[in-house]
């Protein structure tokens, strides 16, 4: 929404004939300043709303108090308490049109009658929005503060892909091309376990940077697919120690650059290697080896 700015034209009639006297600034009475009006409006509105709630709870004159409340709101619009501006902070992925659609507000609407709770609930239905907070800056501005979800991985399930966040919640299944480089996770329960997996991989950054995808096996453990097509089988228990062993072997012998198809880390204290079927013979690396 654009800022509503008014320009007042200066009266230049016979301007040259007038003496050059600097006009004295008129001081508005304190009770007529915008801030004081806002304070009185809030107090009056809160009092009426409180009385209306009491009347409704007590079963007495509920309709009459509601009428008084709406009369007070109507009077506030005459003082300029209407929505003229909407500011949004924290927006990155959420489209502006979607935000305005969920806010359900139009310029000129009574700002004191705006339903913040309902608006917050609607905005938080948007795919990218994790949390929303709305406040009003009287007399005429609504401010929406957004916290958006942070994409973590692409989840593949039943042949479809979904973008998921750090909590494993689905963000969207649309427009995923630009997230193609993110790690893929596969399996029905993969989103529920992706957070601990990322924490595990972050302990060994040199391995994490090579992970292309991760497959959840039997709801118990992970198989990692590294760049170059190497499969790493992690154990159900002791995965941090197993990954640390792999990182150590990679630093000492450049293990992942060899013609390897599978690295099985499920046996404690060793790494079982299986070479690519079409790999050239290397005396230093038999088809299946133990380290």
C-alpha atoms as a PDB file:
ATOM      1  CA  UNK A   1       0.000   0.000   0.000  1.00  0.00           C
ATOM      2  CA  UNK A   2       1.378   3.388  -0.957  1.00  0.00           C
ATOM      3  CA  UNK A   3       1.886   6.184   1.523  1.00  0.00           C
ATOM      4  CA  UNK A   4      -1.015   8.597   1.452  1.00  0.00           C
ATOM      5  CA  UNK A   5       0.686  12.002   1.210  1.00  0.00           C
ATOM      6  CA  UNK A   6      -1.232  15.266   0.796  1.00  0.00           C
ATOM      7  CA  UNK A   7       0.341  18.451  -0.577  1.00  0.00           C
ATOM      8  CA  UNK A   8      -1.327  21.682   0.375  1.00  0.00           C
ATOM      9  CA  UNK A   9      -1.113  24.584  -2.154  1.00  0.00           C
ATOM     10  CA  UNK A  10       0.239  27.877  -0.906  1.00  0.00           C
ATOM     11  CA  UNK A  11      -1.996  30.929  -1.375  1.00  0.00           C
ATOM     12  CA  UNK A  12       0.097  33.332  -3.497  1.00  0.00           C
ATOM     13  CA  UNK A  13      -2.629  35.957  -4.158  1.00  0.00           C
ATOM     14  CA  UNK A  14      -1.059  39.463  -3.891  1.00  0.00           C
ATOM     15  CA  UNK A  15       1.904  37.889  -2.220  1.00  0.00           C
ATOM     16  CA  UNK A  16       4.241  40.708  -3.266  1.00  0.00           C
ATOM     17  CA  UNK A  17       1.994  43.341  -1.663  1.00  0.00           C
ATOM     18  CA  UNK A  18       2.083  41.700   1.719  1.00  0.00           C
ATOM     19  CA  UNK A  19       4.664  42.771   4.304  1.00  0.00           C
ATOM     20  CA  UNK A  20       7.456  40.324   4.948  1.00  0.00           C
ATOM     21  CA  UNK A  21       6.311  39.278   8.364  1.00  0.00           C
ATOM     22  CA  UNK A  22       7.020  35.802   9.611  1.00  0.00           C
ATOM     23  CA  UNK A  23       3.728  34.274  10.724  1.00  0.00           C
ATOM     24  CA  UNK A  24       3.543  33.203  14.317  1.00  0.00           C
ATOM     25  CA  UNK A  25       3.276  29.468  14.757  1.00  0.00           C
ATOM     26  CA  UNK A  26      -0.031  28.366  16.169  1.00  0.00           C
ATOM     27  CA  UNK A  27       0.237  25.948  19.029  1.00  0.00           C
ATOM     28  CA  UNK A  28      -2.491  23.363  19.243  1.00  0.00           C
ATOM     29  CA  UNK A  29      -3.902  22.702  22.699  1.00  0.00           C
ATOM     30  CA  UNK A  30      -2.353  19.647  24.283  1.00  0.00           C
ATOM     31  CA  UNK A  31      -5.683  17.814  24.259  1.00  0.00           C
ATOM     32  CA  UNK A  32      -5.833  18.177  20.464  1.00  0.00           C
ATOM     33  CA  UNK A  33      -2.412  16.717  19.609  1.00  0.00           C
ATOM     34  CA  UNK A  34      -2.324  13.413  17.750  1.00  0.00           C
ATOM     35  CA  UNK A  35      -0.644  11.540  20.581  1.00  0.00           C
ATOM     36  CA  UNK A  36      -3.137  12.678  23.200  1.00  0.00           C
ATOM     37  CA  UNK A  37      -6.027  11.870  20.900  1.00  0.00           C
ATOM     38  CA  UNK A  38      -4.569   8.398  20.397  1.00  0.00           C
ATOM     39  CA  UNK A  39      -4.222   7.846  24.139  1.00  0.00           C
ATOM     40  CA  UNK A  40      -7.789   8.942  24.829  1.00  0.00           C
ATOM     41  CA  UNK A  41      -9.038   6.788  21.957  1.00  0.00           C
ATOM     42  CA  UNK A  42      -7.292   3.694  23.314  1.00  0.00           C
ATOM     43  CA  UNK A  43      -8.553   4.314  26.835  1.00  0.00           C
ATOM     44  CA  UNK A  44     -12.106   4.895  25.647  1.00  0.00           C
ATOM     45  CA  UNK A  45     -12.047   1.905  23.314  1.00  0.00           C
ATOM     46  CA  UNK A  46     -10.552  -0.395  25.960  1.00  0.00           C
ATOM     47  CA  UNK A  47     -13.117   0.754  28.504  1.00  0.00           C
ATOM     48  CA  UNK A  48     -15.993   0.158  26.140  1.00  0.00           C
ATOM     49  CA  UNK A  49     -14.610  -3.228  25.087  1.00  0.00           C
ATOM     50  CA  UNK A  50     -14.174  -4.223  28.743  1.00  0.00           C
ATOM     51  CA  UNK A  51     -17.651  -3.105  29.639  1.00  0.00           C
ATOM     52  CA  UNK A  52     -19.032  -4.947  26.624  1.00  0.00           C
ATOM     53  CA  UNK A  53     -17.275  -8.137  27.726  1.00  0.00           C
ATOM     54  CA  UNK A  54     -18.608  -7.746  31.257  1.00  0.00           C
ATOM     55  CA  UNK A  55     -22.111  -7.141  29.958  1.00  0.00           C
ATOM     56  CA  UNK A  56     -21.941 -10.197  27.720  1.00  0.00           C
ATOM     57  CA  UNK A  57     -20.680 -12.365  30.567  1.00  0.00           C
ATOM     58  CA  UNK A  58     -23.280 -11.071  32.974  1.00  0.00           C
ATOM     59  CA  UNK A  59     -26.017 -11.442  30.345  1.00  0.00           C
ATOM     60  CA  UNK A  60     -27.062  -7.807  30.764  1.00  0.00           C
ATOM     61  CA  UNK A  61     -27.496  -5.320  27.931  1.00  0.00           C
ATOM     62  CA  UNK A  62     -24.986  -7.077  25.661  1.00  0.00           C
ATOM     63  CA  UNK A  63     -26.468  -5.685  22.467  1.00  0.00           C
ATOM     64  CA  UNK A  64     -26.647  -2.161  23.864  1.00  0.00           C
ATOM     65  CA  UNK A  65     -22.981  -2.167  24.831  1.00  0.00           C
ATOM     66  CA  UNK A  66     -22.059  -3.575  21.446  1.00  0.00           C
ATOM     67  CA  UNK A  67     -23.916  -0.700  19.811  1.00  0.00           C
ATOM     68  CA  UNK A  68     -22.018   1.781  21.990  1.00  0.00           C
ATOM     69  CA  UNK A  69     -18.749   0.110  21.029  1.00  0.00           C
ATOM     70  CA  UNK A  70     -19.413   0.453  17.317  1.00  0.00           C
ATOM     71  CA  UNK A  71     -20.473   4.054  17.772  1.00  0.00           C
ATOM     72  CA  UNK A  72     -17.144   4.716  19.464  1.00  0.00           C
ATOM     73  CA  UNK A  73     -15.337   3.027  16.563  1.00  0.00           C
ATOM     74  CA  UNK A  74     -17.287   5.130  14.078  1.00  0.00           C
ATOM     75  CA  UNK A  75     -16.335   8.260  16.029  1.00  0.00           C
ATOM     76  CA  UNK A  76     -12.662   7.219  15.993  1.00  0.00           C
ATOM     77  CA  UNK A  77     -12.693   7.137  12.199  1.00  0.00           C
ATOM     78  CA  UNK A  78     -13.655  10.805  12.211  1.00  0.00           C
ATOM     79  CA  UNK A  79     -10.485  11.477  14.211  1.00  0.00           C
ATOM     80  CA  UNK A  80      -8.395   9.721  11.557  1.00  0.00           C
ATOM     81  CA  UNK A  81      -8.014   6.325  13.193  1.00  0.00           C
ATOM     82  CA  UNK A  82      -8.270   4.391   9.941  1.00  0.00           C
ATOM     83  CA  UNK A  83      -5.821   2.056   8.224  1.00  0.00           C
ATOM     84  CA  UNK A  84      -3.741   3.940   5.664  1.00  0.00           C
ATOM     85  CA  UNK A  85      -0.435   2.053   5.780  1.00  0.00           C
ATOM     86  CA  UNK A  86       0.744  -1.532   6.166  1.00  0.00           C
ATOM     87  CA  UNK A  87       4.428  -2.193   6.842  1.00  0.00           C
ATOM     88  CA  UNK A  88       5.893  -5.699   6.705  1.00  0.00           C
ATOM     89  CA  UNK A  89       9.217  -6.798   8.186  1.00  0.00           C
ATOM     90  CA  UNK A  90      10.971 -10.154   7.754  1.00  0.00           C
ATOM     91  CA  UNK A  91       9.457 -10.952   4.357  1.00  0.00           C
ATOM     92  CA  UNK A  92      11.725 -12.936   2.065  1.00  0.00           C
ATOM     93  CA  UNK A  93       9.839 -15.720   0.314  1.00  0.00           C
ATOM     94  CA  UNK A  94       6.232 -14.828   1.090  1.00  0.00           C
ATOM     95  CA  UNK A  95       4.543 -12.931  -1.719  1.00  0.00           C
ATOM     96  CA  UNK A  96       3.121  -9.504  -0.979  1.00  0.00           C
ATOM     97  CA  UNK A  97      -0.238 -10.353  -2.575  1.00  0.00           C
ATOM     98  CA  UNK A  98      -0.606 -13.380  -0.291  1.00  0.00           C
ATOM     99  CA  UNK A  99       0.082 -11.273   2.785  1.00  0.00           C
ATOM    100  CA  UNK A 100      -2.503  -8.649   1.866  1.00  0.00           C
ATOM    101  CA  UNK A 101      -5.040 -11.346   1.070  1.00  0.00           C
ATOM    102  CA  UNK A 102      -4.601 -12.896   4.508  1.00  0.00           C
ATOM    103  CA  UNK A 103      -4.594  -9.582   6.362  1.00  0.00           C
ATOM    104  CA  UNK A 104      -8.040  -8.790   4.914  1.00  0.00           C
ATOM    105  CA  UNK A 105      -7.665  -5.061   5.431  1.00  0.00           C
ATOM    106  CA  UNK A 106      -8.547  -2.133   3.221  1.00  0.00           C
ATOM    107  CA  UNK A 107      -7.491   1.485   3.353  1.00  0.00           C
ATOM    108  CA  UNK A 108      -9.957   3.490   5.409  1.00  0.00           C
ATOM    109  CA  UNK A 109     -11.021   0.595   7.645  1.00  0.00           C
ATOM    110  CA  UNK A 110     -11.350   1.474  11.374  1.00  0.00           C
ATOM    111  CA  UNK A 111      -7.979   0.608  12.868  1.00  0.00           C
ATOM    112  CA  UNK A 112      -9.397   0.169  16.392  1.00  0.00           C
ATOM    113  CA  UNK A 113     -11.784  -2.515  15.153  1.00  0.00           C
ATOM    114  CA  UNK A 114      -9.128  -4.642  13.451  1.00  0.00           C
ATOM    115  CA  UNK A 115      -9.117  -8.276  14.639  1.00  0.00           C
ATOM    116  CA  UNK A 116      -5.444  -9.019  15.293  1.00  0.00           C
ATOM    117  CA  UNK A 117      -5.927 -12.614  16.501  1.00  0.00           C
ATOM    118  CA  UNK A 118      -7.806 -13.705  13.397  1.00  0.00           C
ATOM    119  CA  UNK A 119      -5.349 -11.924  11.105  1.00  0.00           C
ATOM    120  CA  UNK A 120      -2.382 -13.581  12.831  1.00  0.00           C
ATOM    121  CA  UNK A 121      -3.998 -16.996  12.426  1.00  0.00           C
ATOM    122  CA  UNK A 122      -4.641 -16.412   8.725  1.00  0.00           C
ATOM    123  CA  UNK A 123      -1.130 -15.124   7.998  1.00  0.00           C
ATOM    124  CA  UNK A 124       0.444 -18.105   9.760  1.00  0.00           C
ATOM    125  CA  UNK A 125      -1.378 -20.412   7.342  1.00  0.00           C
ATOM    126  CA  UNK A 126       0.910 -19.187   4.562  1.00  0.00           C
ATOM    127  CA  UNK A 127       3.473 -21.858   3.600  1.00  0.00           C
ATOM    128  CA  UNK A 128       6.611 -19.852   4.372  1.00  0.00           C
ATOM    129  CA  UNK A 129       5.389 -18.174   7.571  1.00  0.00           C
ATOM    130  CA  UNK A 130       6.560 -19.682  10.846  1.00  0.00           C
ATOM    131  CA  UNK A 131       5.384 -16.880  13.118  1.00  0.00           C
ATOM    132  CA  UNK A 132       3.531 -13.584  12.674  1.00  0.00           C
ATOM    133  CA  UNK A 133       3.066 -10.637  14.996  1.00  0.00           C
ATOM    134  CA  UNK A 134       0.818  -7.673  14.200  1.00  0.00           C
ATOM    135  CA  UNK A 135       0.754  -4.333  15.943  1.00  0.00           C
ATOM    136  CA  UNK A 136      -0.786  -0.953  15.255  1.00  0.00           C
ATOM    137  CA  UNK A 137       0.943   2.385  15.230  1.00  0.00           C
ATOM    138  CA  UNK A 138      -1.806   4.883  15.816  1.00  0.00           C
ATOM    139  CA  UNK A 139      -3.426   6.619  14.221  1.00  0.00           C
ATOM    140  CA  UNK A 140      -3.226   4.869  10.826  1.00  0.00           C
ATOM    141  CA  UNK A 141      -0.557   2.157  10.475  1.00  0.00           C
ATOM    142  CA  UNK A 142      -0.469  -1.628  10.852  1.00  0.00           C
ATOM    143  CA  UNK A 143       2.914  -3.321  11.213  1.00  0.00           C
ATOM    144  CA  UNK A 144       3.330  -7.022  10.435  1.00  0.00           C
ATOM    145  CA  UNK A 145       6.471  -8.774  11.705  1.00  0.00           C
ATOM    146  CA  UNK A 146       7.194 -12.109  10.011  1.00  0.00           C
ATOM    147  CA  UNK A 147       9.532 -14.953  10.869  1.00  0.00           C
ATOM    148  CA  UNK A 148       9.796 -17.219   7.858  1.00  0.00           C
ATOM    149  CA  UNK A 149      10.711 -20.889   7.751  1.00  0.00           C
ATOM    150  CA  UNK A 150      14.288 -21.806   6.863  1.00  0.00           C
ATOM    151  CA  UNK A 151      14.515 -24.535   4.193  1.00  0.00           C
ATOM    152  CA  UNK A 152      16.730 -27.433   5.189  1.00  0.00           C
ATOM    153  CA  UNK A 153      16.345 -30.251   2.664  1.00  0.00           C
ATOM    154  CA  UNK A 154      14.260 -31.728  -0.128  1.00  0.00           C
ATOM    155  CA  UNK A 155      12.166 -34.674   0.996  1.00  0.00           C
ATOM    156  CA  UNK A 156      11.409 -37.381  -1.563  1.00  0.00           C
ATOM    157  CA  UNK A 157       8.394 -39.545  -0.795  1.00  0.00           C
ATOM    158  CA  UNK A 158       6.264 -41.667  -3.140  1.00  0.00           C
ATOM    159  CA  UNK A 159       7.950 -40.115  -6.149  1.00  0.00           C
ATOM    160  CA  UNK A 160       7.211 -36.544  -5.110  1.00  0.00           C
ATOM    161  CA  UNK A 161       9.502 -33.851  -3.713  1.00  0.00           C
ATOM    162  CA  UNK A 162       8.755 -31.438  -0.878  1.00  0.00           C
ATOM    163  CA  UNK A 163      10.813 -28.626   0.632  1.00  0.00           C
ATOM    164  CA  UNK A 164      11.058 -29.089   4.411  1.00  0.00           C
ATOM    165  CA  UNK A 165      12.291 -26.785   7.165  1.00  0.00           C
ATOM    166  CA  UNK A 166      14.483 -27.323  10.230  1.00  0.00           C
ATOM    167  CA  UNK A 167      11.581 -28.871  12.134  1.00  0.00           C
ATOM    168  CA  UNK A 168      10.831 -31.312   9.318  1.00  0.00           C
ATOM    169  CA  UNK A 169       7.642 -29.434   8.407  1.00  0.00           C
ATOM    170  CA  UNK A 170       6.684 -29.265   4.742  1.00  0.00           C
ATOM    171  CA  UNK A 171       6.993 -25.757   3.320  1.00  0.00           C
ATOM    172  CA  UNK A 172       5.953 -26.281  -0.281  1.00  0.00           C
ATOM    173  CA  UNK A 173       6.052 -28.667  -3.233  1.00  0.00           C
ATOM    174  CA  UNK A 174       6.065 -25.875  -5.833  1.00  0.00           C
ATOM    175  CA  UNK A 175       8.927 -23.999  -7.459  1.00  0.00           C
ATOM    176  CA  UNK A 176      11.614 -26.370  -6.207  1.00  0.00           C
ATOM    177  CA  UNK A 177      14.092 -25.933  -9.070  1.00  0.00           C
ATOM    178  CA  UNK A 178      16.134 -23.326  -7.231  1.00  0.00           C
ATOM    179  CA  UNK A 179      16.513 -25.680  -4.264  1.00  0.00           C
ATOM    180  CA  UNK A 180      17.805 -28.534  -6.389  1.00  0.00           C
ATOM    181  CA  UNK A 181      21.278 -28.285  -4.846  1.00  0.00           C
ATOM    182  CA  UNK A 182      20.016 -28.969  -1.328  1.00  0.00           C
ATOM    183  CA  UNK A 183      20.439 -32.366   0.290  1.00  0.00           C
ATOM    184  CA  UNK A 184      17.687 -34.882  -0.473  1.00  0.00           C
ATOM    185  CA  UNK A 185      16.217 -37.100   2.234  1.00  0.00           C
ATOM    186  CA  UNK A 186      14.196 -40.193   1.394  1.00  0.00           C
ATOM    187  CA  UNK A 187      11.733 -42.217   3.445  1.00  0.00           C
ATOM    188  CA  UNK A 188       8.335 -41.762   5.097  1.00  0.00           C
ATOM    189  CA  UNK A 189       9.844 -40.784   8.468  1.00  0.00           C
ATOM    190  CA  UNK A 190      12.802 -38.850   7.044  1.00  0.00           C
ATOM    191  CA  UNK A 191      11.399 -35.372   7.925  1.00  0.00           C
ATOM    192  CA  UNK A 192      11.000 -36.367  11.579  1.00  0.00           C
ATOM    193  CA  UNK A 193      14.658 -37.375  11.775  1.00  0.00           C
ATOM    194  CA  UNK A 194      16.384 -34.891   9.477  1.00  0.00           C
ATOM    195  CA  UNK A 195      17.234 -32.486  12.313  1.00  0.00           C
ATOM    196  CA  UNK A 196      19.398 -35.001  14.225  1.00  0.00           C
ATOM    197  CA  UNK A 197      20.965 -36.092  10.919  1.00  0.00           C
ATOM    198  CA  UNK A 198      22.067 -32.536  10.115  1.00  0.00           C
ATOM    199  CA  UNK A 199      23.458 -32.137  13.635  1.00  0.00           C
ATOM    200  CA  UNK A 200      25.415 -35.362  13.130  1.00  0.00           C
ATOM    201  CA  UNK A 201      26.828 -34.273   9.772  1.00  0.00           C
ATOM    202  CA  UNK A 202      27.829 -30.886  11.144  1.00  0.00           C
ATOM    203  CA  UNK A 203      30.270 -32.636  13.463  1.00  0.00           C
ATOM    204  CA  UNK A 204      32.256 -33.671  10.356  1.00  0.00           C
ATOM    205  CA  UNK A 205      32.013 -30.747   7.888  1.00  0.00           C
ATOM    206  CA  UNK A 206      34.339 -32.356   5.326  1.00  0.00           C
ATOM    207  CA  UNK A 207      31.909 -35.287   5.045  1.00  0.00           C
ATOM    208  CA  UNK A 208      28.780 -33.129   5.220  1.00  0.00           C
ATOM    209  CA  UNK A 209      29.902 -31.132   2.180  1.00  0.00           C
ATOM    210  CA  UNK A 210      30.026 -34.348   0.136  1.00  0.00           C
ATOM    211  CA  UNK A 211      26.548 -35.647   1.071  1.00  0.00           C
ATOM    212  CA  UNK A 212      24.082 -35.506  -1.812  1.00  0.00           C
ATOM    213  CA  UNK A 213      21.213 -37.480  -0.276  1.00  0.00           C
ATOM    214  CA  UNK A 214      20.263 -39.554   2.754  1.00  0.00           C
ATOM    215  CA  UNK A 215      17.921 -42.549   2.806  1.00  0.00           C
ATOM    216  CA  UNK A 216      16.115 -43.576   5.975  1.00  0.00           C
ATOM    217  CA  UNK A 217      16.404 -47.365   6.371  1.00  0.00           C
ATOM    218  CA  UNK A 218      13.742 -49.263   8.300  1.00  0.00           C
ATOM    219  CA  UNK A 219      12.972 -46.234  10.462  1.00  0.00           C
ATOM    220  CA  UNK A 220      16.204 -46.947  12.364  1.00  0.00           C
ATOM    221  CA  UNK A 221      19.270 -45.593  10.583  1.00  0.00           C
ATOM    222  CA  UNK A 222      20.600 -43.665   7.554  1.00  0.00           C
ATOM    223  CA  UNK A 223      22.415 -44.526   4.341  1.00  0.00           C
ATOM    224  CA  UNK A 224      24.280 -41.561   2.834  1.00  0.00           C
ATOM    225  CA  UNK A 225      24.876 -41.040  -0.871  1.00  0.00           C
ATOM    226  CA  UNK A 226      27.980 -38.936  -1.445  1.00  0.00           C
ATOM    227  CA  UNK A 227      29.027 -36.978  -4.507  1.00  0.00           C
ATOM    228  CA  UNK A 228      30.548 -39.443  -6.932  1.00  0.00           C
ATOM    229  CA  UNK A 229      28.043 -42.184  -6.107  1.00  0.00           C
ATOM    230  CA  UNK A 230      29.615 -43.588  -2.930  1.00  0.00           C
ATOM    231  CA  UNK A 231      27.083 -45.100  -0.497  1.00  0.00           C
ATOM    232  CA  UNK A 232      27.887 -44.826   3.221  1.00  0.00           C
ATOM    233  CA  UNK A 233      25.969 -47.106   5.560  1.00  0.00           C
ATOM    234  CA  UNK A 234      25.673 -45.649   9.064  1.00  0.00           C
ATOM    235  CA  UNK A 235      24.867 -47.826  12.089  1.00  0.00           C
ATOM    236  CA  UNK A 236      21.712 -47.495  14.150  1.00  0.00           C
ATOM    237  CA  UNK A 237      23.795 -46.898  17.275  1.00  0.00           C
ATOM    238  CA  UNK A 238      27.144 -45.169  17.390  1.00  0.00           C
ATOM    239  CA  UNK A 239      26.655 -43.097  14.238  1.00  0.00           C
ATOM    240  CA  UNK A 240      28.790 -40.161  15.531  1.00  0.00           C
ATOM    241  CA  UNK A 241      31.751 -42.460  16.185  1.00  0.00           C
ATOM    242  CA  UNK A 242      31.326 -44.175  12.813  1.00  0.00           C
ATOM    243  CA  UNK A 243      31.255 -40.875  10.955  1.00  0.00           C
ATOM    244  CA  UNK A 244      34.318 -39.684  12.863  1.00  0.00           C
ATOM    245  CA  UNK A 245      36.179 -42.850  11.752  1.00  0.00           C
ATOM    246  CA  UNK A 246      35.254 -42.161   8.148  1.00  0.00           C
ATOM    247  CA  UNK A 247      36.446 -38.565   8.412  1.00  0.00           C
ATOM    248  CA  UNK A 248      39.744 -39.723   9.915  1.00  0.00           C
ATOM    249  CA  UNK A 249      40.338 -42.279   7.158  1.00  0.00           C
ATOM    250  CA  UNK A 250      39.502 -39.680   4.535  1.00  0.00           C
ATOM    251  CA  UNK A 251      42.055 -37.265   5.964  1.00  0.00           C
ATOM    252  CA  UNK A 252      44.742 -39.956   6.264  1.00  0.00           C
ATOM    253  CA  UNK A 253      44.254 -41.904   3.022  1.00  0.00           C
ATOM    254  CA  UNK A 254      41.919 -39.863   0.796  1.00  0.00           C
ATOM    255  CA  UNK A 255      39.551 -42.810   0.943  1.00  0.00           C
ATOM    256  CA  UNK A 256      36.589 -41.290  -0.913  1.00  0.00           C
ATOM    257  CA  UNK A 257      38.608 -40.586  -4.049  1.00  0.00           C
ATOM    258  CA  UNK A 258      39.046 -44.304  -4.723  1.00  0.00           C
ATOM    259  CA  UNK A 259      36.811 -46.478  -6.914  1.00  0.00           C
ATOM    260  CA  UNK A 260      34.473 -47.376  -4.078  1.00  0.00           C
ATOM    261  CA  UNK A 261      30.777 -48.177  -4.267  1.00  0.00           C
ATOM    262  CA  UNK A 262      29.900 -48.888  -0.634  1.00  0.00           C
ATOM    263  CA  UNK A 263      31.431 -47.899   2.701  1.00  0.00           C
ATOM    264  CA  UNK A 264      29.836 -49.942   5.465  1.00  0.00           C
ATOM    265  CA  UNK A 265      30.352 -48.384   8.909  1.00  0.00           C
ATOM    266  CA  UNK A 266      27.948 -50.616  10.792  1.00  0.00           C
ATOM    267  CA  UNK A 267      30.682 -52.787  12.293  1.00  0.00           C
ATOM    268  CA  UNK A 268      32.400 -51.032  15.231  1.00  0.00           C
ATOM    269  CA  UNK A 269      36.037 -49.979  14.850  1.00  0.00           C
ATOM    270  CA  UNK A 270      36.292 -50.738  11.134  1.00  0.00           C
ATOM    271  CA  UNK A 271      35.217 -49.608   7.675  1.00  0.00           C
ATOM    272  CA  UNK A 272      34.161 -52.283   5.171  1.00  0.00           C
ATOM    273  CA  UNK A 273      34.777 -51.284   1.536  1.00  0.00           C
ATOM    274  CA  UNK A 274      33.190 -52.582  -1.619  1.00  0.00           C
ATOM    275  CA  UNK A 275      34.622 -51.426  -4.913  1.00  0.00           C
ATOM    276  CA  UNK A 276      32.801 -50.405  -8.074  1.00  0.00           C
ATOM    277  CA  UNK A 277      32.112 -53.492 -10.270  1.00  0.00           C
ATOM    278  CA  UNK A 278      33.876 -51.915 -13.249  1.00  0.00           C
ATOM    279  CA  UNK A 279      36.776 -50.425 -11.265  1.00  0.00           C
ATOM    280  CA  UNK A 280      40.295 -51.050 -12.535  1.00  0.00           C
ATOM    281  CA  UNK A 281      42.334 -53.514 -10.531  1.00  0.00           C
ATOM    282  CA  UNK A 282      44.359 -51.878  -7.781  1.00  0.00           C
ATOM    283  CA  UNK A 283      46.589 -54.141  -5.698  1.00  0.00           C
ATOM    284  CA  UNK A 284      46.254 -51.849  -2.718  1.00  0.00           C
ATOM    285  CA  UNK A 285      42.459 -52.154  -2.660  1.00  0.00           C
ATOM    286  CA  UNK A 286      40.792 -55.596  -3.095  1.00  0.00           C
ATOM    287  CA  UNK A 287      37.152 -55.877  -4.107  1.00  0.00           C
ATOM    288  CA  UNK A 288      36.031 -56.047  -0.465  1.00  0.00           C
ATOM    289  CA  UNK A 289      38.370 -54.829   2.219  1.00  0.00           C
ATOM    290  CA  UNK A 290      38.385 -54.124   5.922  1.00  0.00           C
ATOM    291  CA  UNK A 291      40.121 -51.156   7.492  1.00  0.00           C
END
